[in-house]
Structures are given as C-alpha cells and as structure tokens.
PDB file of N, CA and C in Angstrom:
ATOM      1  N   MET A   1      16.487 -13.454  90.419  1.00  0.00           N
ATOM      2  CA  MET A   1      15.195 -13.676  90.371  1.00  0.00           C
ATOM      3  C   MET A   1      14.568 -14.555  91.475  1.00  0.00           C
ATOM      4  N   SER A   2      15.192 -15.644  92.022  1.00  0.00           N
ATOM      5  CA  SER A   2      14.861 -16.320  93.166  1.00  0.00           C
ATOM      6  C   SER A   2      14.585 -15.463  94.459  1.00  0.00           C
ATOM      7  N   GLU A   3      15.419 -14.489  94.524  1.00  0.00           N
ATOM      8  CA  GLU A   3      15.268 -13.628  95.695  1.00  0.00           C
ATOM      9  C   GLU A   3      14.128 -12.715  95.606  1.00  0.00           C
ATOM     10  N   ALA A   4      13.893 -12.224  94.377  1.00  0.00           N
ATOM     11  CA  ALA A   4      12.722 -11.262  94.219  1.00  0.00           C
ATOM     12  C   ALA A   4      11.416 -12.138  94.360  1.00  0.00           C
ATOM     13  N   GLU A   5      11.247 -13.380  93.854  1.00  0.00           N
ATOM     14  CA  GLU A   5      10.151 -14.150  93.894  1.00  0.00           C
ATOM     15  C   GLU A   5       9.941 -14.620  95.268  1.00  0.00           C
ATOM     16  N   ALA A   6      10.948 -14.795  96.176  1.00  0.00           N
ATOM     17  CA  ALA A   6      10.806 -15.157  97.745  1.00  0.00           C
ATOM     18  C   ALA A   6      10.002 -13.978  98.243  1.00  0.00           C
ATOM     19  N   THR A   7      10.105 -12.777  97.899  1.00  0.00           N
ATOM     20  CA  THR A   7       9.405 -11.690  98.565  1.00  0.00           C
ATOM     21  C   THR A   7       7.882 -11.706  98.257  1.00  0.00           C
ATOM     22  N   LEU A   8       7.366 -12.475  97.152  1.00  0.00           N
ATOM     23  CA  LEU A   8       6.045 -12.363  96.820  1.00  0.00           C
ATOM     24  C   LEU A   8       5.271 -13.309  97.682  1.00  0.00           C
ATOM     25  N   GLN A   9       3.929 -13.012  97.982  1.00  0.00           N
ATOM     26  CA  GLN A   9       3.005 -13.818  98.710  1.00  0.00           C
ATOM     27  C   GLN A   9       1.724 -13.977  97.789  1.00  0.00           C
ATOM     28  N   GLU A  10       1.397 -15.208  97.631  1.00  0.00           N
ATOM     29  CA  GLU A  10       0.263 -15.619  96.768  1.00  0.00           C
ATOM     30  C   GLU A  10      -0.951 -14.968  97.283  1.00  0.00           C
ATOM     31  N   GLY A  11      -1.708 -14.471  96.333  1.00  0.00           N
ATOM     32  CA  GLY A  11      -3.018 -13.582  96.763  1.00  0.00           C
ATOM     33  C   GLY A  11      -2.636 -12.157  97.378  1.00  0.00           C
ATOM     34  N   CYS A  12      -1.486 -11.763  97.438  1.00  0.00           N
ATOM     35  CA  CYS A  12      -1.209 -10.495  97.873  1.00  0.00           C
ATOM     36  C   CYS A  12      -0.746  -9.527  96.819  1.00  0.00           C
ATOM     37  N   PRO A  13      -1.478  -8.597  96.313  1.00  0.00           N
ATOM     38  CA  PRO A  13      -1.150  -7.860  95.170  1.00  0.00           C
ATOM     39  C   PRO A  13       0.041  -6.707  95.604  1.00  0.00           C
ATOM     40  N   ALA A  14       0.817  -6.283  94.781  1.00  0.00           N
ATOM     41  CA  ALA A  14       1.776  -5.315  94.996  1.00  0.00           C
ATOM     42  C   ALA A  14       1.182  -4.024  95.202  1.00  0.00           C
ATOM     43  N   LEU A  15      -0.010  -3.807  94.622  1.00  0.00           N
ATOM     44  CA  LEU A  15      -0.831  -2.454  94.809  1.00  0.00           C
ATOM     45  C   LEU A  15      -2.200  -2.834  95.327  1.00  0.00           C
ATOM     46  N   PRO A  16      -2.807  -1.929  96.035  1.00  0.00           N
ATOM     47  CA  PRO A  16      -4.241  -2.134  96.408  1.00  0.00           C
ATOM     48  C   PRO A  16      -5.119  -1.947  95.210  1.00  0.00           C
ATOM     49  N   VAL A  17      -6.313  -2.596  95.205  1.00  0.00           N
ATOM     50  CA  VAL A  17      -7.281  -2.497  94.061  1.00  0.00           C
ATOM     51  C   VAL A  17      -7.763  -1.101  94.175  1.00  0.00           C
ATOM     52  N   PRO A  18      -7.764  -0.364  93.101  1.00  0.00           N
ATOM     53  CA  PRO A  18      -8.349   0.949  92.956  1.00  0.00           C
ATOM     54  C   PRO A  18      -9.866   0.971  93.034  1.00  0.00           C
ATOM     55  N   VAL A  19     -10.485   0.807  94.086  1.00  0.00           N
ATOM     56  CA  VAL A  19     -11.897   0.585  94.311  1.00  0.00           C
ATOM     57  C   VAL A  19     -12.620   1.943  93.966  1.00  0.00           C
ATOM     58  N   ARG A  20     -12.074   2.962  94.113  1.00  0.00           N
ATOM     59  CA  ARG A  20     -12.747   4.193  93.765  1.00  0.00           C
ATOM     60  C   ARG A  20     -13.104   4.297  92.294  1.00  0.00           C
ATOM     61  N   GLU A  21     -12.220   3.773  91.499  1.00  0.00           N
ATOM     62  CA  GLU A  21     -12.466   3.830  89.994  1.00  0.00           C
ATOM     63  C   GLU A  21     -13.603   2.859  89.576  1.00  0.00           C
ATOM     64  N   LEU A  22     -13.776   1.861  90.400  1.00  0.00           N
ATOM     65  CA  LEU A  22     -14.817   0.913  89.930  1.00  0.00           C
ATOM     66  C   LEU A  22     -16.219   1.453  89.901  1.00  0.00           C
ATOM     67  N   ASP A  23     -16.448   2.524  90.492  1.00  0.00           N
ATOM     68  CA  ASP A  23     -17.733   3.226  90.474  1.00  0.00           C
ATOM     69  C   ASP A  23     -18.034   3.703  89.007  1.00  0.00           C
ATOM     70  N   PHE A  24     -16.917   3.885  88.112  1.00  0.00           N
ATOM     71  CA  PHE A  24     -17.097   4.392  86.900  1.00  0.00           C
ATOM     72  C   PHE A  24     -17.064   3.349  85.824  1.00  0.00           C
ATOM     73  N   THR A  25     -17.319   1.966  86.064  1.00  0.00           N
ATOM     74  CA  THR A  25     -17.471   1.093  85.104  1.00  0.00           C
ATOM     75  C   THR A  25     -18.670   1.109  84.404  1.00  0.00           C
ATOM     76  N   ARG A  26     -18.587   0.672  83.191  1.00  0.00           N
ATOM     77  CA  ARG A  26     -19.865   0.566  82.341  1.00  0.00           C
ATOM     78  C   ARG A  26     -19.644  -0.611  81.500  1.00  0.00           C
ATOM     79  N   GLU A  27     -20.849  -1.141  80.906  1.00  0.00           N
ATOM     80  CA  GLU A  27     -20.750  -2.332  80.323  1.00  0.00           C
ATOM     81  C   GLU A  27     -20.012  -2.142  78.838  1.00  0.00           C
ATOM     82  N   PRO A  28     -19.117  -2.804  78.540  1.00  0.00           N
ATOM     83  CA  PRO A  28     -18.320  -2.706  77.405  1.00  0.00           C
ATOM     84  C   PRO A  28     -19.015  -2.983  76.094  1.00  0.00           C
ATOM     85  N   GLY A  29     -18.907  -2.449  75.028  1.00  0.00           N
ATOM     86  CA  GLY A  29     -19.463  -2.808  73.859  1.00  0.00           C
ATOM     87  C   GLY A  29     -19.022  -4.192  73.261  1.00  0.00           C
ATOM     88  N   VAL A  30     -19.963  -5.047  72.988  1.00  0.00           N
ATOM     89  CA  VAL A  30     -19.745  -6.399  72.588  1.00  0.00           C
ATOM     90  C   VAL A  30     -20.643  -6.683  71.479  1.00  0.00           C
ATOM     91  N   ASN A  31     -20.094  -7.351  70.574  1.00  0.00           N
ATOM     92  CA  ASN A  31     -20.966  -7.997  69.334  1.00  0.00           C
ATOM     93  C   ASN A  31     -21.996  -8.895  69.814  1.00  0.00           C
ATOM     94  N   ARG A  32     -23.289  -8.701  69.522  1.00  0.00           N
ATOM     95  CA  ARG A  32     -24.376  -9.668  69.994  1.00  0.00           C
ATOM     96  C   ARG A  32     -24.048 -11.088  69.514  1.00  0.00           C
ATOM     97  N   ILE A  33     -23.468 -11.238  68.364  1.00  0.00           N
ATOM     98  CA  ILE A  33     -23.112 -12.517  67.919  1.00  0.00           C
ATOM     99  C   ILE A  33     -22.253 -13.192  68.849  1.00  0.00           C
ATOM    100  N   ASP A  34     -21.310 -12.525  69.272  1.00  0.00           N
ATOM    101  CA  ASP A  34     -20.258 -13.124  70.235  1.00  0.00           C
ATOM    102  C   ASP A  34     -20.830 -13.294  71.645  1.00  0.00           C
ATOM    103  N   ALA A  35     -21.712 -12.322  72.154  1.00  0.00           N
ATOM    104  CA  ALA A  35     -22.138 -12.544  73.355  1.00  0.00           C
ATOM    105  C   ALA A  35     -23.615 -12.094  73.437  1.00  0.00           C
ATOM    106  N   PRO A  36     -24.590 -13.067  72.899  1.00  0.00           N
ATOM    107  CA  PRO A  36     -25.949 -12.657  72.653  1.00  0.00           C
ATOM    108  C   PRO A  36     -26.563 -12.262  73.929  1.00  0.00           C
ATOM    109  N   GLU A  37     -26.145 -12.697  75.129  1.00  0.00           N
ATOM    110  CA  GLU A  37     -26.762 -12.140  76.418  1.00  0.00           C
ATOM    111  C   GLU A  37     -26.041 -11.087  76.920  1.00  0.00           C
ATOM    112  N   GLY A  38     -25.104 -10.600  76.243  1.00  0.00           N
ATOM    113  CA  GLY A  38     -24.165  -9.377  76.892  1.00  0.00           C
ATOM    114  C   GLY A  38     -23.185  -9.914  77.843  1.00  0.00           C
ATOM    115  N   VAL A  39     -22.569  -8.904  78.405  1.00  0.00           N
ATOM    116  CA  VAL A  39     -21.443  -9.272  79.328  1.00  0.00           C
ATOM    117  C   VAL A  39     -21.592  -8.540  80.635  1.00  0.00           C
ATOM    118  N   SER A  40     -22.743  -7.860  80.785  1.00  0.00           N
ATOM    119  CA  SER A  40     -22.828  -7.084  82.036  1.00  0.00           C
ATOM    120  C   SER A  40     -22.953  -7.930  83.383  1.00  0.00           C
ATOM    121  N   GLN A  41     -23.487  -9.126  83.225  1.00  0.00           N
ATOM    122  CA  GLN A  41     -23.506  -9.945  84.382  1.00  0.00           C
ATOM    123  C   GLN A  41     -22.061 -10.355  84.844  1.00  0.00           C
ATOM    124  N   ALA A  42     -21.187 -10.755  83.866  1.00  0.00           N
ATOM    125  CA  ALA A  42     -19.864 -11.169  84.120  1.00  0.00           C
ATOM    126  C   ALA A  42     -19.055  -9.974  84.640  1.00  0.00           C
ATOM    127  N   GLN A  43     -19.246  -8.858  84.147  1.00  0.00           N
ATOM    128  CA  GLN A  43     -18.701  -7.638  84.664  1.00  0.00           C
ATOM    129  C   GLN A  43     -19.088  -7.337  86.019  1.00  0.00           C
ATOM    130  N   ASP A  44     -20.290  -7.349  86.335  1.00  0.00           N
ATOM    131  CA  ASP A  44     -20.774  -6.936  87.651  1.00  0.00           C
ATOM    132  C   ASP A  44     -20.202  -7.993  88.674  1.00  0.00           C
ATOM    133  N   ALA A  45     -20.175  -9.216  88.239  1.00  0.00           N
ATOM    134  CA  ALA A  45     -19.553 -10.236  89.226  1.00  0.00           C
ATOM    135  C   ALA A  45     -18.211  -9.882  89.526  1.00  0.00           C
ATOM    136  N   ARG A  46     -17.375  -9.493  88.455  1.00  0.00           N
ATOM    137  CA  ARG A  46     -15.947  -9.256  88.750  1.00  0.00           C
ATOM    138  C   ARG A  46     -15.858  -7.911  89.542  1.00  0.00           C
ATOM    139  N   VAL A  47     -16.596  -6.894  89.365  1.00  0.00           N
ATOM    140  CA  VAL A  47     -16.586  -5.633  90.126  1.00  0.00           C
ATOM    141  C   VAL A  47     -16.990  -6.044  91.518  1.00  0.00           C
ATOM    142  N   ASP A  48     -18.023  -6.822  91.630  1.00  0.00           N
ATOM    143  CA  ASP A  48     -18.430  -7.142  93.081  1.00  0.00           C
ATOM    144  C   ASP A  48     -17.253  -7.864  93.860  1.00  0.00           C
ATOM    145  N   ALA A  49     -16.576  -8.831  93.143  1.00  0.00           N
ATOM    146  CA  ALA A  49     -15.458  -9.531  93.791  1.00  0.00           C
ATOM    147  C   ALA A  49     -14.463  -8.682  94.076  1.00  0.00           C
ATOM    148  N   LEU A  50     -14.185  -7.583  93.359  1.00  0.00           N
ATOM    149  CA  LEU A  50     -12.936  -6.825  93.598  1.00  0.00           C
ATOM    150  C   LEU A  50     -13.321  -5.852  94.773  1.00  0.00           C
ATOM    151  N   LEU A  51     -14.643  -5.371  94.884  1.00  0.00           N
ATOM    152  CA  LEU A  51     -15.188  -4.650  96.008  1.00  0.00           C
ATOM    153  C   LEU A  51     -15.209  -5.321  97.323  1.00  0.00           C
ATOM    154  N   THR A  52     -15.407  -6.691  97.112  1.00  0.00           N
ATOM    155  CA  THR A  52     -15.489  -7.393  98.564  1.00  0.00           C
ATOM    156  C   THR A  52     -14.307  -8.195  98.765  1.00  0.00           C
ATOM    157  N   TRP A  53     -13.248  -8.228  98.131  1.00  0.00           N
ATOM    158  CA  TRP A  53     -11.865  -8.901  98.263  1.00  0.00           C
ATOM    159  C   TRP A  53     -11.283  -8.407  99.295  1.00  0.00           C
ATOM    160  N   LYS A  54     -10.812  -9.236 100.173  1.00  0.00           N
ATOM    161  CA  LYS A  54      -9.960  -8.921 101.349  1.00  0.00           C
ATOM    162  C   LYS A  54      -8.602  -9.600 101.201  1.00  0.00           C
ATOM    163  N   PRO A  55      -7.514  -8.904 101.587  1.00  0.00           N
ATOM    164  CA  PRO A  55      -6.299  -9.667 101.324  1.00  0.00           C
ATOM    165  C   PRO A  55      -5.993 -10.760 102.489  1.00  0.00           C
ATOM    166  N   PRO A  56      -5.120 -11.792 102.109  1.00  0.00           N
ATOM    167  CA  PRO A  56      -5.010 -12.800 103.131  1.00  0.00           C
ATOM    168  C   PRO A  56      -4.239 -12.211 104.241  1.00  0.00           C
ATOM    169  N   ALA A  57      -4.300 -12.939 105.333  1.00  0.00           N
ATOM    170  CA  ALA A  57      -3.553 -12.524 106.622  1.00  0.00           C
ATOM    171  C   ALA A  57      -2.167 -12.183 106.452  1.00  0.00           C
ATOM    172  N   GLY A  58      -1.679 -11.159 107.011  1.00  0.00           N
ATOM    173  CA  GLY A  58      -0.273 -10.817 106.880  1.00  0.00           C
ATOM    174  C   GLY A  58      -0.077 -10.055 105.592  1.00  0.00           C
ATOM    175  N   CYS A  59      -0.923  -9.636 104.665  1.00  0.00           N
ATOM    176  CA  CYS A  59      -0.683  -9.007 103.431  1.00  0.00           C
ATOM    177  C   CYS A  59      -1.119  -7.612 103.583  1.00  0.00           C
ATOM    178  N   THR A  60      -0.253  -6.765 103.349  1.00  0.00           N
ATOM    179  CA  THR A  60      -0.547  -5.300 103.272  1.00  0.00           C
ATOM    180  C   THR A  60      -0.128  -4.601 101.936  1.00  0.00           C
ATOM    181  N   PRO A  61      -1.059  -4.615 100.890  1.00  0.00           N
ATOM    182  CA  PRO A  61      -0.692  -4.288  99.498  1.00  0.00           C
ATOM    183  C   PRO A  61      -0.008  -2.997  99.507  1.00  0.00           C
ATOM    184  N   ALA A  62       1.138  -2.810  98.811  1.00  0.00           N
ATOM    185  CA  ALA A  62       1.847  -1.554  98.669  1.00  0.00           C
ATOM    186  C   ALA A  62       2.853  -1.243  99.754  1.00  0.00           C
ATOM    187  N   LYS A  63       2.656  -2.135 100.854  1.00  0.00           N
ATOM    188  CA  LYS A  63       3.712  -1.953 102.037  1.00  0.00           C
ATOM    189  C   LYS A  63       4.770  -3.028 101.982  1.00  0.00           C
ATOM    190  N   ASP A  64       4.325  -4.158 101.648  1.00  0.00           N
ATOM    191  CA  ASP A  64       5.181  -5.465 101.722  1.00  0.00           C
ATOM    192  C   ASP A  64       5.616  -5.826 100.378  1.00  0.00           C
ATOM    193  N   GLY A  65       5.258  -5.048  99.381  1.00  0.00           N
ATOM    194  CA  GLY A  65       5.709  -5.387  98.072  1.00  0.00           C
ATOM    195  C   GLY A  65       4.875  -6.507  97.342  1.00  0.00           C
ATOM    196  N   GLY A  66       3.825  -6.918  97.878  1.00  0.00           N
ATOM    197  CA  GLY A  66       2.911  -7.938  97.316  1.00  0.00           C
ATOM    198  C   GLY A  66       3.566  -9.306  97.698  1.00  0.00           C
TER     199      GLY A  66
END
C-alpha cells in the first residue's frame, strides 16, 4: 500500500475530468423544504470549477496514474 500511495500526487486525479459531459447537466430534483432556494447555484459553481480547473505542475491525468 505504501508503494502505491507513493505514486499519488495530491490534486492530480487518476483520470481527466469528463468536461464534455458537463454540458448535459441539469438541476437535480430537490424537495423545496430541504432546499427552498434550490440547488442550481451550487451545481453551477461546481460545474464552473470543474471546467476551469487546471492540474498542478507536473500532473498529467491518466498518464502518471494520478
């Protein structure tokens, strides 16, 4: 396990973010009692963060194993 963990780099995913699929997101159904203002703002913020995310220096997702 130690050897496997030694190959991981913090902030470097094993696979790239599937940004093409983010175009197909839609607001999930949520009970208005649980989220009276909805969840679209939180979801939009996460999608924006994924679209603008850049890997740290030296990170090449899917090539270096994360």
